[in-house]
Each structure stands twice: as C-alpha cells, then as structure tokens.
Amino acid sequence: MRKIPMRKCVVTNERFPKKELIRIVRTPEGEIVVDTTGKKNGHGAYLKLDREVIETARKKKVLNKHLEAEVPAEIYDQLIELIK
C-alpha cells in the first residue's frame, strides 16, 4: 500500500490528496504561476479545484497572504478555465 501525499487547501483548510488540488507558485524570480505539475521551484499554495473556493480566494486575497505577493487576476481566470 503506497502512501498518498496529502496537502491542505489554503481557503477551506481541509486536507486532500495532492492530485485533487492545484498549486499556485511564487517563483524565485517573483513571478506567480499556476503549477499543473506540482513540481515547480518556489513557494507554493494549494487550492481545491472548485469555483466557489477560487472565488473566495479572489475576494479575500488568500493567495496574496500565503504567497506574500500580489496575485494577478489572470491567475484566477486560469484556475477557473482549468475547472471547465
């Protein structure tokens, strides 16, 4: 039986298997990107792939706090596109 890596959604504070979440990364250069591989270098935060969770993160600026940088609106748009 293999161990399943668990990660916590920064909005809901629920723990999920890593594959059920999407990672947003602040790279060492200071750029904010959506990490679909889960392996990009940098400081990351995980979000549940759910429209309500993404909208809550946008309204409350949760990612700005966790990544310690201003998250552009395009990142939230990319996340919503991933859900579709």
N, C-alpha and C. Protein backbone atom coordinates (compact mmCIF):
# COMPACT_ATOMS: atom_id res chain seq x y z
N MET A 1 0.85 -1.18 0.00
CA MET A 1 0.00 0.00 0.00
C MET A 1 0.89 1.24 0.00
N ARG A 2 0.74 2.07 -1.05
CA ARG A 2 1.55 3.29 -1.16
C ARG A 2 0.94 4.42 -0.34
N LYS A 3 1.81 5.25 0.19
CA LYS A 3 1.36 6.42 0.94
C LYS A 3 0.90 7.48 -0.05
N ILE A 4 -0.26 8.08 0.20
CA ILE A 4 -0.79 9.14 -0.67
C ILE A 4 -0.43 10.49 -0.05
N PRO A 5 0.32 11.33 -0.79
CA PRO A 5 0.68 12.64 -0.24
C PRO A 5 -0.56 13.52 -0.06
N MET A 6 -0.70 14.10 1.12
CA MET A 6 -1.84 14.96 1.43
C MET A 6 -1.36 16.40 1.51
N ARG A 7 -2.22 17.32 1.06
CA ARG A 7 -1.94 18.75 1.13
C ARG A 7 -3.19 19.47 1.63
N LYS A 8 -2.99 20.68 2.17
CA LYS A 8 -4.11 21.43 2.73
C LYS A 8 -4.49 22.59 1.81
N CYS A 9 -5.78 22.73 1.53
CA CYS A 9 -6.29 23.86 0.76
C CYS A 9 -6.20 25.10 1.64
N VAL A 10 -5.62 26.20 1.11
CA VAL A 10 -5.42 27.40 1.92
C VAL A 10 -6.72 28.15 2.20
N VAL A 11 -7.79 27.84 1.46
CA VAL A 11 -9.08 28.52 1.68
C VAL A 11 -9.93 27.75 2.68
N THR A 12 -10.12 26.44 2.43
CA THR A 12 -11.02 25.65 3.27
C THR A 12 -10.32 25.02 4.46
N ASN A 13 -8.99 24.96 4.44
CA ASN A 13 -8.17 24.29 5.48
C ASN A 13 -8.49 22.80 5.60
N GLU A 14 -9.01 22.20 4.53
CA GLU A 14 -9.26 20.76 4.50
C GLU A 14 -8.06 20.08 3.84
N ARG A 15 -7.79 18.85 4.28
CA ARG A 15 -6.70 18.08 3.69
C ARG A 15 -7.25 17.18 2.59
N PHE A 16 -6.54 17.17 1.46
CA PHE A 16 -6.93 16.36 0.30
C PHE A 16 -5.70 15.69 -0.27
N PRO A 17 -5.90 14.59 -1.04
CA PRO A 17 -4.76 14.04 -1.78
C PRO A 17 -4.21 15.11 -2.73
N LYS A 18 -2.91 15.15 -2.89
CA LYS A 18 -2.24 16.18 -3.68
C LYS A 18 -2.82 16.32 -5.09
N LYS A 19 -3.23 15.20 -5.69
CA LYS A 19 -3.74 15.22 -7.07
C LYS A 19 -5.09 15.93 -7.19
N GLU A 20 -5.82 16.10 -6.09
CA GLU A 20 -7.13 16.76 -6.14
C GLU A 20 -7.02 18.28 -6.01
N LEU A 21 -5.81 18.78 -5.75
CA LEU A 21 -5.61 20.21 -5.56
C LEU A 21 -4.75 20.77 -6.69
N ILE A 22 -4.80 22.09 -6.85
CA ILE A 22 -3.95 22.76 -7.82
C ILE A 22 -2.99 23.67 -7.06
N ARG A 23 -1.76 23.74 -7.52
CA ARG A 23 -0.72 24.51 -6.83
C ARG A 23 -0.45 25.82 -7.56
N ILE A 24 -0.39 26.90 -6.80
CA ILE A 24 -0.03 28.21 -7.31
C ILE A 24 1.32 28.55 -6.69
N VAL A 25 2.27 29.00 -7.51
CA VAL A 25 3.65 29.16 -7.07
C VAL A 25 4.15 30.58 -7.28
N ARG A 26 4.91 31.08 -6.28
CA ARG A 26 5.70 32.29 -6.46
C ARG A 26 7.13 31.81 -6.71
N THR A 27 7.59 32.00 -7.93
CA THR A 27 8.92 31.51 -8.31
C THR A 27 10.01 32.35 -7.64
N PRO A 28 11.24 31.87 -7.62
CA PRO A 28 12.34 32.66 -7.04
C PRO A 28 12.50 34.03 -7.71
N GLU A 29 12.04 34.16 -8.96
CA GLU A 29 12.11 35.44 -9.67
C GLU A 29 10.97 36.37 -9.27
N GLY A 30 10.00 35.88 -8.47
CA GLY A 30 8.89 36.70 -8.02
C GLY A 30 7.66 36.61 -8.91
N GLU A 31 7.68 35.74 -9.90
CA GLU A 31 6.54 35.57 -10.81
C GLU A 31 5.52 34.60 -10.19
N ILE A 32 4.23 34.88 -10.37
CA ILE A 32 3.17 34.00 -9.87
C ILE A 32 2.66 33.15 -11.03
N VAL A 33 2.69 31.82 -10.89
CA VAL A 33 2.25 30.92 -11.95
C VAL A 33 1.40 29.79 -11.38
N VAL A 34 0.54 29.23 -12.25
CA VAL A 34 -0.23 28.04 -11.90
C VAL A 34 0.65 26.84 -12.23
N ASP A 35 0.87 25.98 -11.24
CA ASP A 35 1.76 24.82 -11.40
C ASP A 35 0.92 23.56 -11.56
N THR A 36 0.70 23.14 -12.79
CA THR A 36 -0.11 21.94 -13.03
C THR A 36 0.67 20.66 -12.72
N THR A 37 2.01 20.73 -12.76
CA THR A 37 2.82 19.54 -12.48
C THR A 37 3.00 19.30 -10.99
N GLY A 38 2.91 20.38 -10.19
CA GLY A 38 3.13 20.26 -8.75
C GLY A 38 4.60 20.19 -8.38
N LYS A 39 5.49 20.48 -9.32
CA LYS A 39 6.93 20.32 -9.05
C LYS A 39 7.75 21.57 -9.33
N LYS A 40 7.11 22.68 -9.68
CA LYS A 40 7.86 23.89 -9.98
C LYS A 40 8.61 24.39 -8.75
N ASN A 41 9.73 25.02 -9.00
CA ASN A 41 10.55 25.57 -7.93
C ASN A 41 9.91 26.85 -7.40
N GLY A 42 9.83 26.99 -6.09
CA GLY A 42 9.31 28.21 -5.49
C GLY A 42 8.37 27.93 -4.33
N HIS A 43 7.81 29.00 -3.79
CA HIS A 43 6.90 28.93 -2.64
C HIS A 43 5.49 28.69 -3.16
N GLY A 44 4.83 27.62 -2.71
CA GLY A 44 3.53 27.25 -3.27
C GLY A 44 2.40 27.27 -2.26
N ALA A 45 1.18 27.37 -2.81
CA ALA A 45 -0.05 27.28 -2.02
C ALA A 45 -1.03 26.44 -2.82
N TYR A 46 -1.81 25.62 -2.13
CA TYR A 46 -2.73 24.71 -2.79
C TYR A 46 -4.17 25.19 -2.66
N LEU A 47 -4.94 24.99 -3.75
CA LEU A 47 -6.36 25.32 -3.77
C LEU A 47 -7.14 24.13 -4.30
N LYS A 48 -8.32 23.91 -3.72
CA LYS A 48 -9.24 22.90 -4.22
C LYS A 48 -9.77 23.38 -5.56
N LEU A 49 -9.87 22.50 -6.53
CA LEU A 49 -10.40 22.86 -7.85
C LEU A 49 -11.92 22.96 -7.79
N ASP A 50 -12.40 24.06 -7.24
CA ASP A 50 -13.83 24.30 -7.08
C ASP A 50 -14.06 25.79 -7.32
N ARG A 51 -15.06 26.12 -8.11
CA ARG A 51 -15.31 27.53 -8.47
C ARG A 51 -15.52 28.40 -7.24
N GLU A 52 -16.30 27.92 -6.26
CA GLU A 52 -16.57 28.70 -5.04
C GLU A 52 -15.28 28.97 -4.26
N VAL A 53 -14.42 27.98 -4.17
CA VAL A 53 -13.16 28.13 -3.44
C VAL A 53 -12.27 29.17 -4.13
N ILE A 54 -12.21 29.12 -5.46
CA ILE A 54 -11.39 30.07 -6.21
C ILE A 54 -11.94 31.49 -6.06
N GLU A 55 -13.26 31.63 -6.13
CA GLU A 55 -13.88 32.96 -5.96
C GLU A 55 -13.64 33.51 -4.55
N THR A 56 -13.70 32.63 -3.54
CA THR A 56 -13.43 33.04 -2.17
C THR A 56 -11.98 33.50 -2.03
N ALA A 57 -11.07 32.77 -2.65
CA ALA A 57 -9.65 33.14 -2.61
C ALA A 57 -9.44 34.50 -3.26
N ARG A 58 -10.17 34.76 -4.35
CA ARG A 58 -10.04 36.05 -5.04
C ARG A 58 -10.56 37.19 -4.17
N LYS A 59 -11.75 37.00 -3.57
CA LYS A 59 -12.37 38.05 -2.75
C LYS A 59 -11.56 38.37 -1.50
N LYS A 60 -11.12 37.32 -0.81
CA LYS A 60 -10.42 37.51 0.47
C LYS A 60 -8.91 37.68 0.32
N LYS A 61 -8.41 37.57 -0.93
CA LYS A 61 -6.97 37.69 -1.22
C LYS A 61 -6.12 36.72 -0.39
N VAL A 62 -6.61 35.49 -0.29
CA VAL A 62 -5.93 34.45 0.49
C VAL A 62 -4.56 34.12 -0.12
N LEU A 63 -4.50 34.04 -1.45
CA LEU A 63 -3.23 33.70 -2.09
C LEU A 63 -2.19 34.80 -1.90
N ASN A 64 -2.63 36.06 -1.87
CA ASN A 64 -1.69 37.16 -1.64
C ASN A 64 -0.99 36.97 -0.30
N LYS A 65 -1.75 36.56 0.72
CA LYS A 65 -1.16 36.37 2.06
C LYS A 65 -0.19 35.20 2.07
N HIS A 66 -0.61 34.08 1.47
CA HIS A 66 0.22 32.87 1.52
C HIS A 66 1.47 32.97 0.65
N LEU A 67 1.35 33.63 -0.50
CA LEU A 67 2.50 33.73 -1.40
C LEU A 67 3.31 35.00 -1.16
N GLU A 68 2.81 35.88 -0.28
CA GLU A 68 3.49 37.13 0.05
C GLU A 68 3.80 37.95 -1.19
N ALA A 69 2.82 37.99 -2.12
CA ALA A 69 2.95 38.77 -3.36
C ALA A 69 1.56 39.06 -3.90
N GLU A 70 1.47 40.05 -4.77
CA GLU A 70 0.19 40.40 -5.40
C GLU A 70 -0.10 39.39 -6.51
N VAL A 71 -1.24 38.69 -6.39
CA VAL A 71 -1.62 37.68 -7.39
C VAL A 71 -2.47 38.35 -8.46
N PRO A 72 -2.02 38.32 -9.73
CA PRO A 72 -2.79 38.96 -10.80
C PRO A 72 -4.13 38.25 -11.06
N ALA A 73 -5.09 38.99 -11.58
CA ALA A 73 -6.43 38.45 -11.87
C ALA A 73 -6.36 37.33 -12.90
N GLU A 74 -5.36 37.36 -13.78
CA GLU A 74 -5.24 36.32 -14.82
C GLU A 74 -5.04 34.94 -14.20
N ILE A 75 -4.41 34.87 -13.04
CA ILE A 75 -4.18 33.58 -12.37
C ILE A 75 -5.52 32.97 -11.98
N TYR A 76 -6.42 33.78 -11.42
CA TYR A 76 -7.74 33.28 -11.04
C TYR A 76 -8.53 32.85 -12.28
N ASP A 77 -8.38 33.60 -13.38
CA ASP A 77 -9.05 33.24 -14.62
C ASP A 77 -8.53 31.90 -15.15
N GLN A 78 -7.21 31.69 -15.05
CA GLN A 78 -6.61 30.42 -15.47
C GLN A 78 -7.17 29.26 -14.63
N LEU A 79 -7.30 29.48 -13.33
CA LEU A 79 -7.82 28.43 -12.44
C LEU A 79 -9.25 28.07 -12.81
N ILE A 80 -10.07 29.06 -13.11
CA ILE A 80 -11.47 28.80 -13.48
C ILE A 80 -11.52 28.05 -14.81
N GLU A 81 -10.60 28.38 -15.74
CA GLU A 81 -10.53 27.65 -17.01
C GLU A 81 -10.16 26.18 -16.78
N LEU A 82 -9.29 25.90 -15.81
CA LEU A 82 -8.89 24.52 -15.51
C LEU A 82 -10.06 23.68 -15.03
N ILE A 83 -11.02 24.31 -14.37
CA ILE A 83 -12.18 23.58 -13.86
C ILE A 83 -13.05 23.08 -15.01
N LYS A 84 -13.17 23.90 -16.05
CA LYS A 84 -14.05 23.56 -17.20
C LYS A 84 -13.55 22.41 -18.00
